[in-house]
Amino acid sequence: MPFREPALSQALNKKSGKTPPPEDTFQEAAYLKALGEKQRAVTLKLMDGEVVRGWIEYYDKNMIRLTREGDPNLFIFKHEIMYISEETARRQRSTAERTERVAASKAAAEAADTED
């Protein structure tokens, strides 16, 4: 459902003489391409409130492939995304530290299993 009704929009244009701003700037593809090329860590908040983190590996007109470290990769329809935000350096570092801790604990568990 459009935000403005076409008749209302036309009436406003005739009154003010100004054209309304465009609904789409066509910059989405350029932004997603830049994020994918840099493998920039992103956070996606979905319409149901779930938050997922990873980097954008692929995108097209209808969906995004989110690659995640230590978790399955996801294909997410764009209409299910509320917003995309780039991860800050601090958050990226904490994610990397968490991944290292998980790997270290797995290695310690494997070493303990082999000793028994």
PDB file of N, CA and C in Angstrom:
ATOM      1  N   MET A   1       0.845  -1.171   0.000  1.00  0.00           N
ATOM      2  CA  MET A   1       0.000   0.000   0.000  1.00  0.00           C
ATOM      3  C   MET A   1       0.888   1.231   0.000  1.00  0.00           C
ATOM      4  N   PRO A   2       0.744   2.118  -0.972  1.00  0.00           N
ATOM      5  CA  PRO A   2       1.596   3.297  -1.029  1.00  0.00           C
ATOM      6  C   PRO A   2       1.280   4.267   0.104  1.00  0.00           C
ATOM      7  N   PHE A   3       2.294   4.990   0.485  1.00  0.00           N
ATOM      8  CA  PHE A   3       2.145   5.946   1.575  1.00  0.00           C
ATOM      9  C   PHE A   3       1.184   7.062   1.191  1.00  0.00           C
ATOM     10  N   ARG A   4       1.311   7.529  -0.023  1.00  0.00           N
ATOM     11  CA  ARG A   4       0.423   8.596  -0.494  1.00  0.00           C
ATOM     12  C   ARG A   4      -0.491   8.041  -1.570  1.00  0.00           C
ATOM     13  N   GLU A   5      -1.722   8.436  -1.506  1.00  0.00           N
ATOM     14  CA  GLU A   5      -2.668   8.059  -2.544  1.00  0.00           C
ATOM     15  C   GLU A   5      -2.336   8.866  -3.800  1.00  0.00           C
ATOM     16  N   PRO A   6      -2.433   8.268  -4.979  1.00  0.00           N
ATOM     17  CA  PRO A   6      -2.113   9.007  -6.204  1.00  0.00           C
ATOM     18  C   PRO A   6      -2.910  10.293  -6.359  1.00  0.00           C
ATOM     19  N   ALA A   7      -4.194  10.277  -6.048  1.00  0.00           N
ATOM     20  CA  ALA A   7      -5.016  11.485  -6.197  1.00  0.00           C
ATOM     21  C   ALA A   7      -4.544  12.578  -5.237  1.00  0.00           C
ATOM     22  N   LEU A   8      -4.225  12.184  -4.023  1.00  0.00           N
ATOM     23  CA  LEU A   8      -3.735  13.142  -3.033  1.00  0.00           C
ATOM     24  C   LEU A   8      -2.400  13.727  -3.478  1.00  0.00           C
ATOM     25  N   SER A   9      -1.539  12.889  -4.001  1.00  0.00           N
ATOM     26  CA  SER A   9      -0.239  13.331  -4.471  1.00  0.00           C
ATOM     27  C   SER A   9      -0.385  14.330  -5.611  1.00  0.00           C
ATOM     28  N   GLN A  10      -1.286  14.049  -6.536  1.00  0.00           N
ATOM     29  CA  GLN A  10      -1.507  14.968  -7.651  1.00  0.00           C
ATOM     30  C   GLN A  10      -2.072  16.292  -7.161  1.00  0.00           C
ATOM     31  N   ALA A  11      -2.973  16.238  -6.201  1.00  0.00           N
ATOM     32  CA  ALA A  11      -3.564  17.468  -5.662  1.00  0.00           C
ATOM     33  C   ALA A  11      -2.497  18.319  -4.974  1.00  0.00           C
ATOM     34  N   LEU A  12      -1.603  17.662  -4.236  1.00  0.00           N
ATOM     35  CA  LEU A  12      -0.530  18.399  -3.565  1.00  0.00           C
ATOM     36  C   LEU A  12       0.422  19.021  -4.573  1.00  0.00           C
ATOM     37  N   ASN A  13       0.715  18.308  -5.648  1.00  0.00           N
ATOM     38  CA  ASN A  13       1.607  18.844  -6.683  1.00  0.00           C
ATOM     39  C   ASN A  13       1.025  20.088  -7.330  1.00  0.00           C
ATOM     40  N   LYS A  14      -0.281  20.085  -7.589  1.00  0.00           N
ATOM     41  CA  LYS A  14      -0.905  21.237  -8.221  1.00  0.00           C
ATOM     42  C   LYS A  14      -0.896  22.440  -7.289  1.00  0.00           C
ATOM     43  N   LYS A  15      -1.057  22.199  -5.987  1.00  0.00           N
ATOM     44  CA  LYS A  15      -1.069  23.296  -5.016  1.00  0.00           C
ATOM     45  C   LYS A  15       0.305  23.931  -4.868  1.00  0.00           C
ATOM     46  N   SER A  16       1.317  23.094  -4.609  1.00  0.00           N
ATOM     47  CA  SER A  16       2.644  23.629  -4.290  1.00  0.00           C
ATOM     48  C   SER A  16       3.511  23.834  -5.518  1.00  0.00           C
ATOM     49  N   GLY A  17       3.222  23.145  -6.602  1.00  0.00           N
ATOM     50  CA  GLY A  17       4.046  23.280  -7.792  1.00  0.00           C
ATOM     51  C   GLY A  17       5.327  22.473  -7.720  1.00  0.00           C
ATOM     52  N   LYS A  18       5.519  21.739  -6.638  1.00  0.00           N
ATOM     53  CA  LYS A  18       6.730  20.933  -6.463  1.00  0.00           C
ATOM     54  C   LYS A  18       6.400  19.467  -6.711  1.00  0.00           C
ATOM     55  N   THR A  19       7.390  18.762  -7.216  1.00  0.00           N
ATOM     56  CA  THR A  19       7.214  17.313  -7.368  1.00  0.00           C
ATOM     57  C   THR A  19       7.685  16.624  -6.088  1.00  0.00           C
ATOM     58  N   PRO A  20       7.013  15.567  -5.695  1.00  0.00           N
ATOM     59  CA  PRO A  20       7.430  14.869  -4.474  1.00  0.00           C
ATOM     60  C   PRO A  20       8.751  14.131  -4.711  1.00  0.00           C
ATOM     61  N   PRO A  21       9.476  13.837  -3.641  1.00  0.00           N
ATOM     62  CA  PRO A  21      10.732  13.093  -3.803  1.00  0.00           C
ATOM     63  C   PRO A  21      10.439  11.685  -4.312  1.00  0.00           C
ATOM     64  N   PRO A  22      11.398  11.086  -5.002  1.00  0.00           N
ATOM     65  CA  PRO A  22      11.173   9.734  -5.522  1.00  0.00           C
ATOM     66  C   PRO A  22      11.071   8.726  -4.386  1.00  0.00           C
ATOM     67  N   GLU A  23      10.271   7.669  -4.618  1.00  0.00           N
ATOM     68  CA  GLU A  23      10.132   6.628  -3.603  1.00  0.00           C
ATOM     69  C   GLU A  23      11.376   5.761  -3.516  1.00  0.00           C
ATOM     70  N   ASP A  24      12.109   5.634  -4.615  1.00  0.00           N
ATOM     71  CA  ASP A  24      13.297   4.780  -4.638  1.00  0.00           C
ATOM     72  C   ASP A  24      14.460   5.561  -5.233  1.00  0.00           C
ATOM     73  N   THR A  25      15.620   5.482  -4.588  1.00  0.00           N
ATOM     74  CA  THR A  25      16.806   6.181  -5.078  1.00  0.00           C
ATOM     75  C   THR A  25      17.672   5.284  -5.958  1.00  0.00           C
ATOM     76  N   PHE A  26      17.347   3.990  -6.035  1.00  0.00           N
ATOM     77  CA  PHE A  26      18.076   3.013  -6.840  1.00  0.00           C
ATOM     78  C   PHE A  26      19.526   2.836  -6.370  1.00  0.00           C
ATOM     79  N   GLN A  27      19.791   3.070  -5.098  1.00  0.00           N
ATOM     80  CA  GLN A  27      21.130   2.901  -4.534  1.00  0.00           C
ATOM     81  C   GLN A  27      21.279   1.592  -3.778  1.00  0.00           C
ATOM     82  N   GLU A  28      20.199   0.831  -3.629  1.00  0.00           N
ATOM     83  CA  GLU A  28      20.243  -0.426  -2.880  1.00  0.00           C
ATOM     84  C   GLU A  28      21.258  -1.390  -3.468  1.00  0.00           C
ATOM     85  N   ALA A  29      21.243  -1.586  -4.779  1.00  0.00           N
ATOM     86  CA  ALA A  29      22.158  -2.536  -5.422  1.00  0.00           C
ATOM     87  C   ALA A  29      23.604  -2.116  -5.226  1.00  0.00           C
ATOM     88  N   ALA A  30      23.892  -0.832  -5.347  1.00  0.00           N
ATOM     89  CA  ALA A  30      25.261  -0.342  -5.171  1.00  0.00           C
ATOM     90  C   ALA A  30      25.742  -0.569  -3.736  1.00  0.00           C
ATOM     91  N   TYR A  31      24.856  -0.338  -2.777  1.00  0.00           N
ATOM     92  CA  TYR A  31      25.208  -0.523  -1.364  1.00  0.00           C
ATOM     93  C   TYR A  31      25.470  -2.000  -1.056  1.00  0.00           C
ATOM     94  N   LEU A  32      24.582  -2.875  -1.524  1.00  0.00           N
ATOM     95  CA  LEU A  32      24.762  -4.307  -1.280  1.00  0.00           C
ATOM     96  C   LEU A  32      26.012  -4.831  -1.978  1.00  0.00           C
ATOM     97  N   LYS A  33      26.298  -4.323  -3.163  1.00  0.00           N
ATOM     98  CA  LYS A  33      27.503  -4.726  -3.889  1.00  0.00           C
ATOM     99  C   LYS A  33      28.756  -4.329  -3.114  1.00  0.00           C
ATOM    100  N   ALA A  34      28.767  -3.108  -2.593  1.00  0.00           N
ATOM    101  CA  ALA A  34      29.916  -2.633  -1.816  1.00  0.00           C
ATOM    102  C   ALA A  34      30.115  -3.476  -0.553  1.00  0.00           C
ATOM    103  N   LEU A  35      29.012  -3.798   0.141  1.00  0.00           N
ATOM    104  CA  LEU A  35      29.109  -4.626   1.346  1.00  0.00           C
ATOM    105  C   LEU A  35      29.639  -6.016   1.009  1.00  0.00           C
ATOM    106  N   GLY A  36      29.192  -6.583  -0.107  1.00  0.00           N
ATOM    107  CA  GLY A  36      29.626  -7.913  -0.512  1.00  0.00           C
ATOM    108  C   GLY A  36      31.078  -7.954  -0.937  1.00  0.00           C
ATOM    109  N   GLU A  37      31.521  -6.952  -1.684  1.00  0.00           N
ATOM    110  CA  GLU A  37      32.903  -6.920  -2.150  1.00  0.00           C
ATOM    111  C   GLU A  37      33.889  -6.768  -0.993  1.00  0.00           C
ATOM    112  N   LYS A  38      33.523  -5.975   0.004  1.00  0.00           N
ATOM    113  CA  LYS A  38      34.394  -5.757   1.164  1.00  0.00           C
ATOM    114  C   LYS A  38      34.240  -6.846   2.214  1.00  0.00           C
ATOM    115  N   GLN A  39      33.268  -7.742   2.026  1.00  0.00           N
ATOM    116  CA  GLN A  39      32.889  -8.746   3.025  1.00  0.00           C
ATOM    117  C   GLN A  39      32.720  -8.081   4.386  1.00  0.00           C
ATOM    118  N   ARG A  40      31.997  -7.003   4.365  1.00  0.00           N
ATOM    119  CA  ARG A  40      31.742  -6.203   5.552  1.00  0.00           C
ATOM    120  C   ARG A  40      30.744  -6.927   6.454  1.00  0.00           C
ATOM    121  N   ALA A  41      31.046  -7.056   7.723  1.00  0.00           N
ATOM    122  CA  ALA A  41      30.126  -7.696   8.669  1.00  0.00           C
ATOM    123  C   ALA A  41      28.894  -6.817   8.841  1.00  0.00           C
ATOM    124  N   VAL A  42      27.720  -7.445   8.767  1.00  0.00           N
ATOM    125  CA  VAL A  42      26.461  -6.720   8.880  1.00  0.00           C
ATOM    126  C   VAL A  42      25.541  -7.409   9.879  1.00  0.00           C
ATOM    127  N   THR A  43      24.602  -6.639  10.392  1.00  0.00           N
ATOM    128  CA  THR A  43      23.523  -7.148  11.229  1.00  0.00           C
ATOM    129  C   THR A  43      22.227  -6.908  10.483  1.00  0.00           C
ATOM    130  N   LEU A  44      21.418  -7.953  10.354  1.00  0.00           N
ATOM    131  CA  LEU A  44      20.107  -7.834   9.723  1.00  0.00           C
ATOM    132  C   LEU A  44      19.047  -8.042  10.785  1.00  0.00           C
ATOM    133  N   LYS A  45      18.130  -7.104  10.888  1.00  0.00           N
ATOM    134  CA  LYS A  45      16.982  -7.299  11.766  1.00  0.00           C
ATOM    135  C   LYS A  45      15.814  -7.663  10.875  1.00  0.00           C
ATOM    136  N   LEU A  46      15.199  -8.791  11.168  1.00  0.00           N
ATOM    137  CA  LEU A  46      14.094  -9.287  10.356  1.00  0.00           C
ATOM    138  C   LEU A  46      12.770  -8.747  10.871  1.00  0.00           C
ATOM    139  N   MET A  47      11.745  -8.853  10.052  1.00  0.00           N
ATOM    140  CA  MET A  47      10.431  -8.327  10.393  1.00  0.00           C
ATOM    141  C   MET A  47       9.856  -8.976  11.649  1.00  0.00           C
ATOM    142  N   ASP A  48      10.232 -10.225  11.934  1.00  0.00           N
ATOM    143  CA  ASP A  48       9.716 -10.902  13.131  1.00  0.00           C
ATOM    144  C   ASP A  48      10.527 -10.582  14.382  1.00  0.00           C
ATOM    145  N   GLY A  49      11.534  -9.683  14.263  1.00  0.00           N
ATOM    146  CA  GLY A  49      12.324  -9.263  15.408  1.00  0.00           C
ATOM    147  C   GLY A  49      13.629 -10.019  15.582  1.00  0.00           C
ATOM    148  N   GLU A  50      13.831 -11.104  14.827  1.00  0.00           N
ATOM    149  CA  GLU A  50      15.068 -11.874  14.938  1.00  0.00           C
ATOM    150  C   GLU A  50      16.224 -11.063  14.358  1.00  0.00           C
ATOM    151  N   VAL A  51      17.400 -11.181  14.985  1.00  0.00           N
ATOM    152  CA  VAL A  51      18.598 -10.491  14.528  1.00  0.00           C
ATOM    153  C   VAL A  51      19.621 -11.544  14.113  1.00  0.00           C
ATOM    154  N   VAL A  52      20.166 -11.406  12.894  1.00  0.00           N
ATOM    155  CA  VAL A  52      21.199 -12.322  12.408  1.00  0.00           C
ATOM    156  C   VAL A  52      22.403 -11.513  11.960  1.00  0.00           C
ATOM    157  N   ARG A  53      23.586 -12.108  12.122  1.00  0.00           N
ATOM    158  CA  ARG A  53      24.831 -11.426  11.772  1.00  0.00           C
ATOM    159  C   ARG A  53      25.631 -12.283  10.805  1.00  0.00           C
ATOM    160  N   GLY A  54      26.375 -11.629   9.941  1.00  0.00           N
ATOM    161  CA  GLY A  54      27.226 -12.315   8.978  1.00  0.00           C
ATOM    162  C   GLY A  54      27.704 -11.312   7.945  1.00  0.00           C
ATOM    163  N   TRP A  55      28.000 -11.798   6.724  1.00  0.00           N
ATOM    164  CA  TRP A  55      28.337 -10.890   5.646  1.00  0.00           C
ATOM    165  C   TRP A  55      27.583 -11.319   4.405  1.00  0.00           C
ATOM    166  N   ILE A  56      27.336 -10.345   3.541  1.00  0.00           N
ATOM    167  CA  ILE A  56      26.536 -10.591   2.352  1.00  0.00           C
ATOM    168  C   ILE A  56      27.444 -11.174   1.279  1.00  0.00           C
ATOM    169  N   GLU A  57      27.132 -12.393   0.876  1.00  0.00           N
ATOM    170  CA  GLU A  57      27.924 -13.055  -0.156  1.00  0.00           C
ATOM    171  C   GLU A  57      27.295 -12.876  -1.528  1.00  0.00           C
ATOM    172  N   TYR A  58      25.975 -12.837  -1.569  1.00  0.00           N
ATOM    173  CA  TYR A  58      25.255 -12.756  -2.836  1.00  0.00           C
ATOM    174  C   TYR A  58      23.924 -12.036  -2.601  1.00  0.00           C
ATOM    175  N   TYR A  59      23.455 -11.347  -3.618  1.00  0.00           N
ATOM    176  CA  TYR A  59      22.137 -10.719  -3.544  1.00  0.00           C
ATOM    177  C   TYR A  59      21.545 -10.680  -4.943  1.00  0.00           C
ATOM    178  N   ASP A  60      20.256 -10.615  -5.026  1.00  0.00           N
ATOM    179  CA  ASP A  60      19.573 -10.369  -6.287  1.00  0.00           C
ATOM    180  C   ASP A  60      18.336  -9.525  -6.002  1.00  0.00           C
ATOM    181  N   LYS A  61      17.418  -9.503  -6.937  1.00  0.00           N
ATOM    182  CA  LYS A  61      16.252  -8.637  -6.820  1.00  0.00           C
ATOM    183  C   LYS A  61      15.381  -8.965  -5.609  1.00  0.00           C
ATOM    184  N   ASN A  62      15.316 -10.248  -5.233  1.00  0.00           N
ATOM    185  CA  ASN A  62      14.377 -10.671  -4.195  1.00  0.00           C
ATOM    186  C   ASN A  62      14.998 -11.148  -2.893  1.00  0.00           C
ATOM    187  N   MET A  63      16.287 -11.501  -2.884  1.00  0.00           N
ATOM    188  CA  MET A  63      16.859 -12.105  -1.685  1.00  0.00           C
ATOM    189  C   MET A  63      18.321 -11.768  -1.500  1.00  0.00           C
ATOM    190  N   ILE A  64      18.799 -12.119  -0.297  1.00  0.00           N
ATOM    191  CA  ILE A  64      20.197 -11.925   0.083  1.00  0.00           C
ATOM    192  C   ILE A  64      20.706 -13.238   0.651  1.00  0.00           C
ATOM    193  N   ARG A  65      21.940 -13.595   0.317  1.00  0.00           N
ATOM    194  CA  ARG A  65      22.572 -14.742   0.958  1.00  0.00           C
ATOM    195  C   ARG A  65      23.502 -14.195   2.028  1.00  0.00           C
ATOM    196  N   LEU A  66      23.218 -14.558   3.260  1.00  0.00           N
ATOM    197  CA  LEU A  66      24.017 -14.120   4.396  1.00  0.00           C
ATOM    198  C   LEU A  66      24.913 -15.273   4.812  1.00  0.00           C
ATOM    199  N   THR A  67      26.224 -15.073   4.728  1.00  0.00           N
ATOM    200  CA  THR A  67      27.185 -16.088   5.128  1.00  0.00           C
ATOM    201  C   THR A  67      27.563 -15.830   6.576  1.00  0.00           C
ATOM    202  N   ARG A  68      27.497 -16.889   7.387  1.00  0.00           N
ATOM    203  CA  ARG A  68      27.784 -16.745   8.815  1.00  0.00           C
ATOM    204  C   ARG A  68      28.898 -17.696   9.206  1.00  0.00           C
ATOM    205  N   GLU A  69      29.696 -17.281  10.154  1.00  0.00           N
ATOM    206  CA  GLU A  69      30.804 -18.095  10.645  1.00  0.00           C
ATOM    207  C   GLU A  69      30.322 -18.950  11.805  1.00  0.00           C
ATOM    208  N   GLY A  70      30.445 -20.268  11.660  1.00  0.00           N
ATOM    209  CA  GLY A  70      30.042 -21.169  12.722  1.00  0.00           C
ATOM    210  C   GLY A  70      28.566 -21.513  12.714  1.00  0.00           C
ATOM    211  N   ASP A  71      27.786 -20.913  11.833  1.00  0.00           N
ATOM    212  CA  ASP A  71      26.357 -21.170  11.702  1.00  0.00           C
ATOM    213  C   ASP A  71      26.032 -21.398  10.231  1.00  0.00           C
ATOM    214  N   PRO A  72      24.897 -22.011   9.939  1.00  0.00           N
ATOM    215  CA  PRO A  72      24.526 -22.213   8.532  1.00  0.00           C
ATOM    216  C   PRO A  72      24.309 -20.883   7.809  1.00  0.00           C
ATOM    217  N   ASN A  73      24.627 -20.874   6.518  1.00  0.00           N
ATOM    218  CA  ASN A  73      24.361 -19.702   5.696  1.00  0.00           C
ATOM    219  C   ASN A  73      22.857 -19.584   5.481  1.00  0.00           C
ATOM    220  N   LEU A  74      22.385 -18.355   5.268  1.00  0.00           N
ATOM    221  CA  LEU A  74      20.954 -18.116   5.137  1.00  0.00           C
ATOM    222  C   LEU A  74      20.633 -17.422   3.828  1.00  0.00           C
ATOM    223  N   PHE A  75      19.546 -17.825   3.195  1.00  0.00           N
ATOM    224  CA  PHE A  75      18.947 -17.083   2.094  1.00  0.00           C
ATOM    225  C   PHE A  75      17.743 -16.369   2.690  1.00  0.00           C
ATOM    226  N   ILE A  76      17.759 -15.046   2.644  1.00  0.00           N
ATOM    227  CA  ILE A  76      16.709 -14.255   3.278  1.00  0.00           C
ATOM    228  C   ILE A  76      16.020 -13.401   2.220  1.00  0.00           C
ATOM    229  N   PHE A  77      14.695 -13.504   2.148  1.00  0.00           N
ATOM    230  CA  PHE A  77      13.948 -12.651   1.232  1.00  0.00           C
ATOM    231  C   PHE A  77      14.025 -11.206   1.711  1.00  0.00           C
ATOM    232  N   LYS A  78      14.196 -10.280   0.776  1.00  0.00           N
ATOM    233  CA  LYS A  78      14.330  -8.868   1.127  1.00  0.00           C
ATOM    234  C   LYS A  78      13.092  -8.327   1.827  1.00  0.00           C
ATOM    235  N   HIS A  79      11.906  -8.823   1.469  1.00  0.00           N
ATOM    236  CA  HIS A  79      10.699  -8.305   2.101  1.00  0.00           C
ATOM    237  C   HIS A  79      10.603  -8.724   3.569  1.00  0.00           C
ATOM    238  N   GLU A  80      11.467  -9.658   4.012  1.00  0.00           N
ATOM    239  CA  GLU A  80      11.495 -10.075   5.413  1.00  0.00           C
ATOM    240  C   GLU A  80      12.507  -9.273   6.240  1.00  0.00           C
ATOM    241  N   ILE A  81      13.269  -8.376   5.595  1.00  0.00           N
ATOM    242  CA  ILE A  81      14.306  -7.598   6.280  1.00  0.00           C
ATOM    243  C   ILE A  81      13.749  -6.246   6.692  1.00  0.00           C
ATOM    244  N   MET A  82      13.887  -5.938   7.995  1.00  0.00           N
ATOM    245  CA  MET A  82      13.469  -4.629   8.479  1.00  0.00           C
ATOM    246  C   MET A  82      14.573  -3.610   8.184  1.00  0.00           C
ATOM    247  N   TYR A  83      15.825  -3.958   8.547  1.00  0.00           N
ATOM    248  CA  TYR A  83      16.951  -3.086   8.214  1.00  0.00           C
ATOM    249  C   TYR A  83      18.254  -3.863   8.215  1.00  0.00           C
ATOM    250  N   ILE A  84      19.263  -3.266   7.578  1.00  0.00           N
ATOM    251  CA  ILE A  84      20.624  -3.809   7.537  1.00  0.00           C
ATOM    252  C   ILE A  84      21.531  -2.737   8.108  1.00  0.00           C
ATOM    253  N   SER A  85      22.394  -3.126   9.038  1.00  0.00           N
ATOM    254  CA  SER A  85      23.367  -2.165   9.559  1.00  0.00           C
ATOM    255  C   SER A  85      24.751  -2.795   9.542  1.00  0.00           C
ATOM    256  N   GLU A  86      25.743  -1.966   9.276  1.00  0.00           N
ATOM    257  CA  GLU A  86      27.122  -2.436   9.264  1.00  0.00           C
ATOM    258  C   GLU A  86      27.599  -2.606  10.696  1.00  0.00           C
ATOM    259  N   GLU A  87      28.399  -3.646  10.904  1.00  0.00           N
ATOM    260  CA  GLU A  87      28.952  -3.898  12.236  1.00  0.00           C
ATOM    261  C   GLU A  87      30.060  -2.884  12.519  1.00  0.00           C
ATOM    262  N   THR A  88      30.170  -2.482  13.764  1.00  0.00           N
ATOM    263  CA  THR A  88      31.264  -1.606  14.161  1.00  0.00           C
ATOM    264  C   THR A  88      32.507  -2.447  14.395  1.00  0.00           C
ATOM    265  N   ALA A  89      33.661  -1.816  14.452  1.00  0.00           N
ATOM    266  CA  ALA A  89      34.917  -2.541  14.666  1.00  0.00           C
ATOM    267  C   ALA A  89      34.891  -3.267  16.009  1.00  0.00           C
ATOM    268  N   ARG A  90      34.301  -2.646  17.032  1.00  0.00           N
ATOM    269  CA  ARG A  90      34.246  -3.263  18.355  1.00  0.00           C
ATOM    270  C   ARG A  90      33.424  -4.548  18.315  1.00  0.00           C
ATOM    271  N   ARG A  91      32.283  -4.505  17.645  1.00  0.00           N
ATOM    272  CA  ARG A  91      31.419  -5.671  17.561  1.00  0.00           C
ATOM    273  C   ARG A  91      32.076  -6.761  16.722  1.00  0.00           C
ATOM    274  N   GLN A  92      32.802  -6.382  15.655  1.00  0.00           N
ATOM    275  CA  GLN A  92      33.508  -7.363  14.836  1.00  0.00           C
ATOM    276  C   GLN A  92      34.569  -8.060  15.666  1.00  0.00           C
ATOM    277  N   ARG A  93      35.288  -7.300  16.485  1.00  0.00           N
ATOM    278  CA  ARG A  93      36.345  -7.867  17.305  1.00  0.00           C
ATOM    279  C   ARG A  93      35.754  -8.842  18.323  1.00  0.00           C
ATOM    280  N   SER A  94      34.641  -8.479  18.938  1.00  0.00           N
ATOM    281  CA  SER A  94      34.048  -9.362  19.937  1.00  0.00           C
ATOM    282  C   SER A  94      33.532 -10.643  19.285  1.00  0.00           C
ATOM    283  N   THR A  95      33.034 -10.563  18.066  1.00  0.00           N
ATOM    284  CA  THR A  95      32.597 -11.755  17.344  1.00  0.00           C
ATOM    285  C   THR A  95      33.791 -12.646  17.038  1.00  0.00           C
ATOM    286  N   ALA A  96      34.905 -12.053  16.626  1.00  0.00           N
ATOM    287  CA  ALA A  96      36.110 -12.825  16.335  1.00  0.00           C
ATOM    288  C   ALA A  96      36.648 -13.474  17.606  1.00  0.00           C
ATOM    289  N   GLU A  97      36.630 -12.737  18.715  1.00  0.00           N
ATOM    290  CA  GLU A  97      37.104 -13.304  19.983  1.00  0.00           C
ATOM    291  C   GLU A  97      36.220 -14.469  20.425  1.00  0.00           C
ATOM    292  N   ARG A  98      34.924 -14.333  20.241  1.00  0.00           N
ATOM    293  CA  ARG A  98      33.999 -15.395  20.609  1.00  0.00           C
ATOM    294  C   ARG A  98      34.255 -16.643  19.763  1.00  0.00           C
ATOM    295  N   THR A  99      34.509 -16.450  18.472  1.00  0.00           N
ATOM    296  CA  THR A  99      34.805 -17.569  17.573  1.00  0.00           C
ATOM    297  C   THR A  99      36.088 -18.270  18.000  1.00  0.00           C
ATOM    298  N   GLU A 100      37.094 -17.490  18.379  1.00  0.00           N
ATOM    299  CA  GLU A 100      38.355 -18.072  18.842  1.00  0.00           C
ATOM    300  C   GLU A 100      38.142 -18.863  20.133  1.00  0.00           C
ATOM    301  N   ARG A 101      37.333 -18.332  21.050  1.00  0.00           N
ATOM    302  CA  ARG A 101      37.065 -19.045  22.309  1.00  0.00           C
ATOM    303  C   ARG A 101      36.348 -20.362  22.059  1.00  0.00           C
ATOM    304  N   VAL A 102      35.379 -20.361  21.135  1.00  0.00           N
ATOM    305  CA  VAL A 102      34.647 -21.586  20.811  1.00  0.00           C
ATOM    306  C   VAL A 102      35.606 -22.613  20.226  1.00  0.00           C
ATOM    307  N   ALA A 103      36.474 -22.177  19.314  1.00  0.00           N
ATOM    308  CA  ALA A 103      37.442 -23.090  18.703  1.00  0.00           C
ATOM    309  C   ALA A 103      38.397 -23.641  19.757  1.00  0.00           C
ATOM    310  N   ALA A 104      38.830 -22.798  20.682  1.00  0.00           N
ATOM    311  CA  ALA A 104      39.742 -23.249  21.729  1.00  0.00           C
ATOM    312  C   ALA A 104      39.067 -24.246  22.660  1.00  0.00           C
ATOM    313  N   SER A 105      37.809 -24.013  22.990  1.00  0.00           N
ATOM    314  CA  SER A 105      37.108 -24.944  23.872  1.00  0.00           C
ATOM    315  C   SER A 105      36.856 -26.273  23.174  1.00  0.00           C
ATOM    316  N   LYS A 106      36.573 -26.243  21.872  1.00  0.00           N
ATOM    317  CA  LYS A 106      36.405 -27.487  21.122  1.00  0.00           C
ATOM    318  C   LYS A 106      37.708 -28.267  21.084  1.00  0.00           C
ATOM    319  N   ALA A 107      38.823 -27.567  20.867  1.00  0.00           N
ATOM    320  CA  ALA A 107      40.128 -28.224  20.829  1.00  0.00           C
ATOM    321  C   ALA A 107      40.464 -28.828  22.188  1.00  0.00           C
ATOM    322  N   ALA A 108      40.137 -28.104  23.263  1.00  0.00           N
ATOM    323  CA  ALA A 108      40.409 -28.632  24.601  1.00  0.00           C
ATOM    324  C   ALA A 108      39.545 -29.852  24.885  1.00  0.00           C
ATOM    325  N   ALA A 109      38.293 -29.832  24.456  1.00  0.00           N
ATOM    326  CA  ALA A 109      37.410 -30.970  24.651  1.00  0.00           C
ATOM    327  C   ALA A 109      37.900 -32.197  23.869  1.00  0.00           C
ATOM    328  N   GLU A 110      38.359 -31.957  22.634  1.00  0.00           N
ATOM    329  CA  GLU A 110      38.890 -33.052  21.826  1.00  0.00           C
ATOM    330  C   GLU A 110      40.153 -33.635  22.447  1.00  0.00           C
ATOM    331  N   ALA A 111      41.012 -32.765  22.976  1.00  0.00           N
ATOM    332  CA  ALA A 111      42.237 -33.228  23.621  1.00  0.00           C
ATOM    333  C   ALA A 111      41.911 -34.050  24.866  1.00  0.00           C
ATOM    334  N   ALA A 112      40.903 -33.634  25.639  1.00  0.00           N
ATOM    335  CA  ALA A 112      40.496 -34.356  26.829  1.00  0.00           C
ATOM    336  C   ALA A 112      39.920 -35.727  26.459  1.00  0.00           C
ATOM    337  N   ASP A 113      39.183 -35.796  25.343  1.00  0.00           N
ATOM    338  CA  ASP A 113      38.618 -37.057  24.885  1.00  0.00           C
ATOM    339  C   ASP A 113      39.694 -38.041  24.444  1.00  0.00           C
ATOM    340  N   THR A 114      40.750 -37.538  23.832  1.00  0.00           N
ATOM    341  CA  THR A 114      41.808 -38.424  23.337  1.00  0.00           C
ATOM    342  C   THR A 114      42.677 -38.938  24.488  1.00  0.00           C
ATOM    343  N   GLU A 115      42.736 -38.166  25.608  1.00  0.00           N
ATOM    344  CA  GLU A 115      43.521 -38.602  26.756  1.00  0.00           C
ATOM    345  C   GLU A 115      42.844 -39.739  27.499  1.00  0.00           C
ATOM    346  N   ASP A 116      41.517 -39.818  27.435  1.00  0.00           N
ATOM    347  CA  ASP A 116      40.767 -40.837  28.165  1.00  0.00           C
ATOM    348  C   ASP A 116      40.847 -42.164  27.523  1.00  0.00           C
TER     349      ASP A 116
END
